């Protein structure tokens, strides 16, 4: 398939996702460029893996969305993804696609799959874990936390994270010439990316509190003004943590591979 055909298909899918309100306008534009970078290096196989991540994460975001209102209020982000969320989960994968286009070194296939496995693992853990009947446990305080709190884990969310990484590893192994050991490494480092995300969320991700209503949020955009920073660093919001978790998962694989 020619690059022009890939561009047309990616454009159509991005526009369709925008019309379905899975992406904002800026998110659709970002998704188009992410798709181009991945298609350039990995062709339709890379797009199928990207599609598996995007479709499954979008469906899970919309599943029982009414019960997730508290989590969306905390992050000020709903099921419609903006350009920051798209780039946080897909920009590195697109860069790896471009690198593979020029180098054709097989290790970049695994790196690409790990980046999307980490993103899928984190998304599944968050979206499914938020439906747990038990409150998650903060790994920073070892106390029960509010649903949607970064750095908090639940049994349901952990198994969901494992399943999310497993799915991407399985699809990548079926599409590319990846052996059983490679499948295991993609699955393992993909899930480890989710673990890193949890650690970063617990200790360095910024969190604010509204002094008026006491609500804990991850952004300055809240119902009242003059929010107070309670922990973390302003630079490290949820999108930055997503980028770093994927980066460290991929870096861990590269160090292990070399």
C-alpha atoms as a PDB file:
ATOM      1  CA  UNK A   1       0.000   0.000   0.000  1.00  0.00           C
ATOM      2  CA  UNK A   2       1.359   3.425  -0.923  1.00  0.00           C
ATOM      3  CA  UNK A   3       2.056   6.183   1.581  1.00  0.00           C
ATOM      4  CA  UNK A   4      -0.698   8.278  -0.042  1.00  0.00           C
ATOM      5  CA  UNK A   5      -3.243   5.545   0.667  1.00  0.00           C
ATOM      6  CA  UNK A   6      -2.053   5.302   4.258  1.00  0.00           C
ATOM      7  CA  UNK A   7      -2.461   9.068   4.627  1.00  0.00           C
ATOM      8  CA  UNK A   8      -6.010   8.939   3.246  1.00  0.00           C
ATOM      9  CA  UNK A   9      -6.997   6.087   5.551  1.00  0.00           C
ATOM     10  CA  UNK A  10      -5.464   7.762   8.614  1.00  0.00           C
ATOM     11  CA  UNK A  11      -7.167  11.042   7.729  1.00  0.00           C
ATOM     12  CA  UNK A  12     -10.536   9.310   7.420  1.00  0.00           C
ATOM     13  CA  UNK A  13     -10.143   7.421  10.714  1.00  0.00           C
ATOM     14  CA  UNK A  14      -9.023  10.582  12.548  1.00  0.00           C
ATOM     15  CA  UNK A  15     -12.000  12.514  11.192  1.00  0.00           C
ATOM     16  CA  UNK A  16     -14.373   9.678  12.056  1.00  0.00           C
ATOM     17  CA  UNK A  17     -13.018   9.570  15.623  1.00  0.00           C
ATOM     18  CA  UNK A  18     -13.565  13.328  15.851  1.00  0.00           C
ATOM     19  CA  UNK A  19     -17.154  13.027  14.653  1.00  0.00           C
ATOM     20  CA  UNK A  20     -17.744  10.199  17.130  1.00  0.00           C
ATOM     21  CA  UNK A  21     -16.365  12.460  19.881  1.00  0.00           C
ATOM     22  CA  UNK A  22     -13.574  10.063  20.706  1.00  0.00           C
ATOM     23  CA  UNK A  23     -11.133  12.855  19.812  1.00  0.00           C
ATOM     24  CA  UNK A  24     -11.267  16.617  19.980  1.00  0.00           C
ATOM     25  CA  UNK A  25     -10.350  18.560  16.848  1.00  0.00           C
ATOM     26  CA  UNK A  26      -6.790  19.020  18.114  1.00  0.00           C
ATOM     27  CA  UNK A  27      -6.714  15.346  19.112  1.00  0.00           C
ATOM     28  CA  UNK A  28      -7.724  14.293  15.593  1.00  0.00           C
ATOM     29  CA  UNK A  29      -4.942  16.393  14.063  1.00  0.00           C
ATOM     30  CA  UNK A  30      -2.409  14.925  16.473  1.00  0.00           C
ATOM     31  CA  UNK A  31      -3.703  11.403  15.765  1.00  0.00           C
ATOM     32  CA  UNK A  32      -3.181  11.962  12.042  1.00  0.00           C
ATOM     33  CA  UNK A  33       0.500  12.802  12.489  1.00  0.00           C
ATOM     34  CA  UNK A  34       1.030   9.969  14.970  1.00  0.00           C
ATOM     35  CA  UNK A  35      -0.547   7.579  12.472  1.00  0.00           C
ATOM     36  CA  UNK A  36       1.664   8.856   9.652  1.00  0.00           C
ATOM     37  CA  UNK A  37       4.830   8.279  11.660  1.00  0.00           C
ATOM     38  CA  UNK A  38       3.763   4.749  12.573  1.00  0.00           C
ATOM     39  CA  UNK A  39       2.608   3.881   9.045  1.00  0.00           C
ATOM     40  CA  UNK A  40       5.875   5.145   7.598  1.00  0.00           C
ATOM     41  CA  UNK A  41       7.874   2.652   9.618  1.00  0.00           C
ATOM     42  CA  UNK A  42       5.559  -0.263  10.291  1.00  0.00           C
ATOM     43  CA  UNK A  43       2.898  -0.035   7.588  1.00  0.00           C
ATOM     44  CA  UNK A  44      -0.553  -1.464   8.093  1.00  0.00           C
ATOM     45  CA  UNK A  45       0.707  -3.814  10.830  1.00  0.00           C
ATOM     46  CA  UNK A  46       1.730  -0.881  12.986  1.00  0.00           C
ATOM     47  CA  UNK A  47      -1.617   0.801  12.329  1.00  0.00           C
ATOM     48  CA  UNK A  48      -3.464  -2.346  13.401  1.00  0.00           C
ATOM     49  CA  UNK A  49      -1.631  -2.323  16.742  1.00  0.00           C
ATOM     50  CA  UNK A  50      -2.299   1.393  17.144  1.00  0.00           C
ATOM     51  CA  UNK A  51      -5.939   0.739  16.267  1.00  0.00           C
ATOM     52  CA  UNK A  52      -6.197  -1.998  18.892  1.00  0.00           C
ATOM     53  CA  UNK A  53      -4.967   0.444  21.523  1.00  0.00           C
ATOM     54  CA  UNK A  54      -7.135   3.332  20.394  1.00  0.00           C
ATOM     55  CA  UNK A  55     -10.361   1.378  19.888  1.00  0.00           C
ATOM     56  CA  UNK A  56     -10.108  -0.593  23.125  1.00  0.00           C
ATOM     57  CA  UNK A  57      -9.147   2.450  25.202  1.00  0.00           C
ATOM     58  CA  UNK A  58     -11.933   4.556  23.675  1.00  0.00           C
ATOM     59  CA  UNK A  59     -14.522   1.855  24.313  1.00  0.00           C
ATOM     60  CA  UNK A  60     -13.382   1.425  27.897  1.00  0.00           C
ATOM     61  CA  UNK A  61     -13.408   5.183  28.465  1.00  0.00           C
ATOM     62  CA  UNK A  62     -17.047   5.343  27.418  1.00  0.00           C
ATOM     63  CA  UNK A  63     -18.047   2.160  29.256  1.00  0.00           C
ATOM     64  CA  UNK A  64     -20.062   3.061  32.373  1.00  0.00           C
ATOM     65  CA  UNK A  65     -18.897   6.658  31.978  1.00  0.00           C
ATOM     66  CA  UNK A  66     -21.488   7.879  34.473  1.00  0.00           C
ATOM     67  CA  UNK A  67     -19.785   5.958  37.261  1.00  0.00           C
ATOM     68  CA  UNK A  68     -16.448   7.544  36.329  1.00  0.00           C
ATOM     69  CA  UNK A  69     -17.551  11.149  36.804  1.00  0.00           C
ATOM     70  CA  UNK A  70     -15.489  11.570  39.956  1.00  0.00           C
ATOM     71  CA  UNK A  71     -12.330  10.470  38.136  1.00  0.00           C
ATOM     72  CA  UNK A  72     -13.037  12.793  35.199  1.00  0.00           C
ATOM     73  CA  UNK A  73     -13.695  15.662  37.602  1.00  0.00           C
ATOM     74  CA  UNK A  74     -10.365  14.983  39.279  1.00  0.00           C
ATOM     75  CA  UNK A  75      -8.370  15.068  36.032  1.00  0.00           C
ATOM     76  CA  UNK A  76     -10.648  17.532  34.208  1.00  0.00           C
ATOM     77  CA  UNK A  77     -10.556  15.176  31.211  1.00  0.00           C
ATOM     78  CA  UNK A  78     -13.337  12.978  29.929  1.00  0.00           C
ATOM     79  CA  UNK A  79     -13.560  10.214  27.336  1.00  0.00           C
ATOM     80  CA  UNK A  80     -12.825  12.626  24.442  1.00  0.00           C
ATOM     81  CA  UNK A  81      -9.051  12.775  24.031  1.00  0.00           C
ATOM     82  CA  UNK A  82      -7.258  16.023  23.208  1.00  0.00           C
ATOM     83  CA  UNK A  83      -3.926  16.485  21.432  1.00  0.00           C
ATOM     84  CA  UNK A  84      -1.926  16.291  24.650  1.00  0.00           C
ATOM     85  CA  UNK A  85      -3.382  12.893  25.507  1.00  0.00           C
ATOM     86  CA  UNK A  86      -2.831  11.635  21.959  1.00  0.00           C
ATOM     87  CA  UNK A  87       0.776  12.801  21.882  1.00  0.00           C
ATOM     88  CA  UNK A  88       1.457  11.521  25.395  1.00  0.00           C
ATOM     89  CA  UNK A  89       0.441   8.023  24.339  1.00  0.00           C
ATOM     90  CA  UNK A  90       1.512   7.996  20.696  1.00  0.00           C
ATOM     91  CA  UNK A  91       4.283  10.500  19.961  1.00  0.00           C
ATOM     92  CA  UNK A  92       7.160   8.233  21.007  1.00  0.00           C
ATOM     93  CA  UNK A  93       5.673   5.352  19.020  1.00  0.00           C
ATOM     94  CA  UNK A  94       5.568   7.593  15.939  1.00  0.00           C
ATOM     95  CA  UNK A  95       9.204   8.617  16.486  1.00  0.00           C
ATOM     96  CA  UNK A  96      10.196   4.960  16.759  1.00  0.00           C
ATOM     97  CA  UNK A  97       8.334   4.307  13.500  1.00  0.00           C
ATOM     98  CA  UNK A  98      10.464   6.933  11.767  1.00  0.00           C
ATOM     99  CA  UNK A  99      13.636   5.494  13.312  1.00  0.00           C
ATOM    100  CA  UNK A 100      12.715   2.022  12.065  1.00  0.00           C
ATOM    101  CA  UNK A 101      12.007   3.410   8.598  1.00  0.00           C
ATOM    102  CA  UNK A 102      15.644   4.508   8.316  1.00  0.00           C
ATOM    103  CA  UNK A 103      17.399   1.730  10.281  1.00  0.00           C
ATOM    104  CA  UNK A 104      15.260  -1.405   9.701  1.00  0.00           C
ATOM    105  CA  UNK A 105      16.680  -2.809  12.952  1.00  0.00           C
ATOM    106  CA  UNK A 106      14.260  -5.357  14.388  1.00  0.00           C
ATOM    107  CA  UNK A 107      14.639  -4.229  17.998  1.00  0.00           C
ATOM    108  CA  UNK A 108      12.623  -1.112  17.157  1.00  0.00           C
ATOM    109  CA  UNK A 109       9.606  -3.312  16.416  1.00  0.00           C
ATOM    110  CA  UNK A 110       9.699  -4.508  20.014  1.00  0.00           C
ATOM    111  CA  UNK A 111      10.237  -0.956  21.305  1.00  0.00           C
ATOM    112  CA  UNK A 112       7.223   0.227  19.328  1.00  0.00           C
ATOM    113  CA  UNK A 113       5.066  -2.592  20.696  1.00  0.00           C
ATOM    114  CA  UNK A 114       6.264  -1.927  24.257  1.00  0.00           C
ATOM    115  CA  UNK A 115       5.332   1.752  24.020  1.00  0.00           C
ATOM    116  CA  UNK A 116       1.776   0.895  22.998  1.00  0.00           C
ATOM    117  CA  UNK A 117       1.606  -2.010  25.463  1.00  0.00           C
ATOM    118  CA  UNK A 118       2.549   0.380  28.276  1.00  0.00           C
ATOM    119  CA  UNK A 119      -0.066   2.916  27.147  1.00  0.00           C
ATOM    120  CA  UNK A 120      -2.713   0.209  26.813  1.00  0.00           C
ATOM    121  CA  UNK A 121      -1.830  -1.306  30.174  1.00  0.00           C
ATOM    122  CA  UNK A 122      -2.121   2.071  31.910  1.00  0.00           C
ATOM    123  CA  UNK A 123      -5.406   2.916  30.168  1.00  0.00           C
ATOM    124  CA  UNK A 124      -7.025  -0.427  30.914  1.00  0.00           C
ATOM    125  CA  UNK A 125      -5.857  -0.279  34.526  1.00  0.00           C
ATOM    126  CA  UNK A 126      -7.332   3.206  34.964  1.00  0.00           C
ATOM    127  CA  UNK A 127     -10.600   2.658  33.124  1.00  0.00           C
ATOM    128  CA  UNK A 128     -11.410  -0.794  34.490  1.00  0.00           C
ATOM    129  CA  UNK A 129      -9.822  -0.240  37.893  1.00  0.00           C
ATOM    130  CA  UNK A 130     -12.050   2.767  38.469  1.00  0.00           C
ATOM    131  CA  UNK A 131     -15.035   0.393  38.429  1.00  0.00           C
ATOM    132  CA  UNK A 132     -13.710  -1.593  41.386  1.00  0.00           C
ATOM    133  CA  UNK A 133     -16.143  -1.813  44.280  1.00  0.00           C
ATOM    134  CA  UNK A 134     -13.234  -1.386  46.677  1.00  0.00           C
ATOM    135  CA  UNK A 135     -11.340   1.874  47.002  1.00  0.00           C
ATOM    136  CA  UNK A 136      -7.776   1.722  45.594  1.00  0.00           C
ATOM    137  CA  UNK A 137      -4.735   1.702  47.853  1.00  0.00           C
ATOM    138  CA  UNK A 138      -2.232   4.557  47.611  1.00  0.00           C
ATOM    139  CA  UNK A 139       1.312   3.190  47.305  1.00  0.00           C
ATOM    140  CA  UNK A 140       2.596   6.445  48.840  1.00  0.00           C
ATOM    141  CA  UNK A 141       0.526   6.441  52.027  1.00  0.00           C
ATOM    142  CA  UNK A 142      -0.645   2.793  52.059  1.00  0.00           C
ATOM    143  CA  UNK A 143      -4.139   4.091  52.794  1.00  0.00           C
ATOM    144  CA  UNK A 144      -7.372   3.839  50.863  1.00  0.00           C
ATOM    145  CA  UNK A 145      -7.589   6.616  48.261  1.00  0.00           C
ATOM    146  CA  UNK A 146     -10.283   8.228  46.167  1.00  0.00           C
ATOM    147  CA  UNK A 147     -11.087   6.468  42.893  1.00  0.00           C
ATOM    148  CA  UNK A 148      -8.963   7.926  40.104  1.00  0.00           C
ATOM    149  CA  UNK A 149      -6.102   8.973  42.371  1.00  0.00           C
ATOM    150  CA  UNK A 150      -2.746   8.757  40.599  1.00  0.00           C
ATOM    151  CA  UNK A 151      -0.416   6.350  42.354  1.00  0.00           C
ATOM    152  CA  UNK A 152      -3.237   4.218  43.756  1.00  0.00           C
ATOM    153  CA  UNK A 153      -3.801   0.591  42.784  1.00  0.00           C
ATOM    154  CA  UNK A 154      -6.547  -2.000  43.009  1.00  0.00           C
ATOM    155  CA  UNK A 155      -6.631  -5.731  42.341  1.00  0.00           C
ATOM    156  CA  UNK A 156      -9.078  -5.235  39.479  1.00  0.00           C
ATOM    157  CA  UNK A 157      -6.953  -2.460  37.953  1.00  0.00           C
ATOM    158  CA  UNK A 158      -3.773  -4.545  38.226  1.00  0.00           C
ATOM    159  CA  UNK A 159      -5.289  -7.486  36.367  1.00  0.00           C
ATOM    160  CA  UNK A 160      -6.709  -5.089  33.789  1.00  0.00           C
ATOM    161  CA  UNK A 161      -3.230  -3.625  33.287  1.00  0.00           C
ATOM    162  CA  UNK A 162      -1.798  -7.105  32.741  1.00  0.00           C
ATOM    163  CA  UNK A 163      -4.531  -7.853  30.211  1.00  0.00           C
ATOM    164  CA  UNK A 164      -3.944  -4.578  28.365  1.00  0.00           C
ATOM    165  CA  UNK A 165      -0.239  -5.282  27.933  1.00  0.00           C
ATOM    166  CA  UNK A 166      -0.927  -8.910  26.996  1.00  0.00           C
ATOM    167  CA  UNK A 167      -3.289  -7.887  24.188  1.00  0.00           C
ATOM    168  CA  UNK A 168      -0.759  -5.613  22.483  1.00  0.00           C
ATOM    169  CA  UNK A 169       2.045  -8.165  22.917  1.00  0.00           C
ATOM    170  CA  UNK A 170      -0.144 -10.879  21.390  1.00  0.00           C
ATOM    171  CA  UNK A 171      -1.200  -8.785  18.389  1.00  0.00           C
ATOM    172  CA  UNK A 172       2.384  -7.653  17.753  1.00  0.00           C
ATOM    173  CA  UNK A 173       3.593 -11.277  17.880  1.00  0.00           C
ATOM    174  CA  UNK A 174       0.917 -12.376  15.418  1.00  0.00           C
ATOM    175  CA  UNK A 175       1.710  -9.567  12.973  1.00  0.00           C
ATOM    176  CA  UNK A 176       5.504  -9.387  13.162  1.00  0.00           C
ATOM    177  CA  UNK A 177       8.204 -12.107  13.206  1.00  0.00           C
ATOM    178  CA  UNK A 178       8.492 -12.064  17.003  1.00  0.00           C
ATOM    179  CA  UNK A 179       9.431 -15.221  18.889  1.00  0.00           C
ATOM    180  CA  UNK A 180       7.926 -16.394  22.194  1.00  0.00           C
ATOM    181  CA  UNK A 181      10.719 -14.730  24.199  1.00  0.00           C
ATOM    182  CA  UNK A 182      10.056 -11.469  22.394  1.00  0.00           C
ATOM    183  CA  UNK A 183       6.345 -11.756  23.187  1.00  0.00           C
ATOM    184  CA  UNK A 184       7.160 -12.209  26.863  1.00  0.00           C
ATOM    185  CA  UNK A 185       9.486  -9.181  26.895  1.00  0.00           C
ATOM    186  CA  UNK A 186       6.881  -6.948  25.237  1.00  0.00           C
ATOM    187  CA  UNK A 187       4.258  -8.109  27.714  1.00  0.00           C
ATOM    188  CA  UNK A 188       6.611  -7.697  30.686  1.00  0.00           C
ATOM    189  CA  UNK A 189       8.043  -4.282  29.825  1.00  0.00           C
ATOM    190  CA  UNK A 190       4.625  -3.048  28.724  1.00  0.00           C
ATOM    191  CA  UNK A 191       3.221  -3.840  32.149  1.00  0.00           C
ATOM    192  CA  UNK A 192       6.323  -2.423  33.837  1.00  0.00           C
ATOM    193  CA  UNK A 193       5.530   0.833  32.049  1.00  0.00           C
ATOM    194  CA  UNK A 194       2.217   0.805  33.904  1.00  0.00           C
ATOM    195  CA  UNK A 195       4.068   0.177  37.173  1.00  0.00           C
ATOM    196  CA  UNK A 196       6.378   3.132  36.475  1.00  0.00           C
ATOM    197  CA  UNK A 197       3.314   5.258  35.738  1.00  0.00           C
ATOM    198  CA  UNK A 198       1.903   4.334  39.144  1.00  0.00           C
ATOM    199  CA  UNK A 199       5.174   5.154  40.930  1.00  0.00           C
ATOM    200  CA  UNK A 200       5.530   8.494  39.173  1.00  0.00           C
ATOM    201  CA  UNK A 201       1.883   9.249  39.844  1.00  0.00           C
ATOM    202  CA  UNK A 202       2.355   8.565  43.530  1.00  0.00           C
ATOM    203  CA  UNK A 203       5.540  10.518  44.142  1.00  0.00           C
ATOM    204  CA  UNK A 204       6.154  13.224  41.535  1.00  0.00           C
ATOM    205  CA  UNK A 205       2.863  13.866  39.706  1.00  0.00           C
ATOM    206  CA  UNK A 206       1.357  17.177  40.759  1.00  0.00           C
ATOM    207  CA  UNK A 207      -1.823  17.280  42.785  1.00  0.00           C
ATOM    208  CA  UNK A 208      -3.747  20.315  43.996  1.00  0.00           C
ATOM    209  CA  UNK A 209      -6.484  20.888  46.538  1.00  0.00           C
ATOM    210  CA  UNK A 210      -9.267  23.428  46.340  1.00  0.00           C
ATOM    211  CA  UNK A 211      -9.368  25.248  49.705  1.00  0.00           C
ATOM    212  CA  UNK A 212     -13.039  26.097  49.196  1.00  0.00           C
ATOM    213  CA  UNK A 213     -14.531  22.635  48.674  1.00  0.00           C
ATOM    214  CA  UNK A 214     -11.547  20.441  49.597  1.00  0.00           C
ATOM    215  CA  UNK A 215     -11.564  18.652  46.248  1.00  0.00           C
ATOM    216  CA  UNK A 216      -8.257  17.022  45.202  1.00  0.00           C
ATOM    217  CA  UNK A 217      -7.466  17.621  41.531  1.00  0.00           C
ATOM    218  CA  UNK A 218      -4.580  17.227  39.082  1.00  0.00           C
ATOM    219  CA  UNK A 219      -5.039  20.542  37.301  1.00  0.00           C
ATOM    220  CA  UNK A 220      -5.477  24.196  38.222  1.00  0.00           C
ATOM    221  CA  UNK A 221      -8.771  24.300  36.325  1.00  0.00           C
ATOM    222  CA  UNK A 222     -11.308  23.651  39.078  1.00  0.00           C
ATOM    223  CA  UNK A 223     -14.607  24.923  40.395  1.00  0.00           C
ATOM    224  CA  UNK A 224     -12.927  27.569  42.572  1.00  0.00           C
ATOM    225  CA  UNK A 225      -9.730  29.625  42.405  1.00  0.00           C
ATOM    226  CA  UNK A 226      -6.433  29.631  44.306  1.00  0.00           C
ATOM    227  CA  UNK A 227      -5.855  25.889  44.467  1.00  0.00           C
ATOM    228  CA  UNK A 228      -3.018  24.777  46.716  1.00  0.00           C
ATOM    229  CA  UNK A 229      -0.318  22.350  45.528  1.00  0.00           C
ATOM    230  CA  UNK A 230      -0.286  19.372  47.858  1.00  0.00           C
ATOM    231  CA  UNK A 231       2.387  17.193  46.253  1.00  0.00           C
ATOM    232  CA  UNK A 232       4.547  16.706  43.177  1.00  0.00           C
ATOM    233  CA  UNK A 233       5.879  19.148  40.623  1.00  0.00           C
ATOM    234  CA  UNK A 234       3.789  21.333  38.266  1.00  0.00           C
ATOM    235  CA  UNK A 235       5.640  20.067  35.174  1.00  0.00           C
ATOM    236  CA  UNK A 236       4.682  16.471  35.918  1.00  0.00           C
ATOM    237  CA  UNK A 237       0.998  16.300  35.095  1.00  0.00           C
ATOM    238  CA  UNK A 238      -0.794  13.154  33.919  1.00  0.00           C
ATOM    239  CA  UNK A 239       0.279  13.600  30.282  1.00  0.00           C
ATOM    240  CA  UNK A 240       3.952  14.028  31.215  1.00  0.00           C
ATOM    241  CA  UNK A 241       3.810  10.960  33.447  1.00  0.00           C
ATOM    242  CA  UNK A 242       2.336   8.951  30.552  1.00  0.00           C
ATOM    243  CA  UNK A 243       5.218  10.012  28.311  1.00  0.00           C
ATOM    244  CA  UNK A 244       7.822   9.136  30.942  1.00  0.00           C
ATOM    245  CA  UNK A 245       6.300   5.761  31.778  1.00  0.00           C
ATOM    246  CA  UNK A 246       6.424   4.697  28.132  1.00  0.00           C
ATOM    247  CA  UNK A 247       9.928   6.105  27.760  1.00  0.00           C
ATOM    248  CA  UNK A 248      11.297   4.230  30.769  1.00  0.00           C
ATOM    249  CA  UNK A 249       9.593   1.002  29.701  1.00  0.00           C
ATOM    250  CA  UNK A 250      11.213   1.256  26.253  1.00  0.00           C
ATOM    251  CA  UNK A 251      14.549   2.291  27.768  1.00  0.00           C
ATOM    252  CA  UNK A 252      14.462  -0.685  30.104  1.00  0.00           C
ATOM    253  CA  UNK A 253      14.003  -3.010  27.144  1.00  0.00           C
ATOM    254  CA  UNK A 254      16.822  -1.372  25.193  1.00  0.00           C
ATOM    255  CA  UNK A 255      19.203  -1.699  28.143  1.00  0.00           C
ATOM    256  CA  UNK A 256      18.187  -5.340  28.566  1.00  0.00           C
ATOM    257  CA  UNK A 257      18.504  -5.983  24.828  1.00  0.00           C
ATOM    258  CA  UNK A 258      21.944  -4.447  24.578  1.00  0.00           C
END
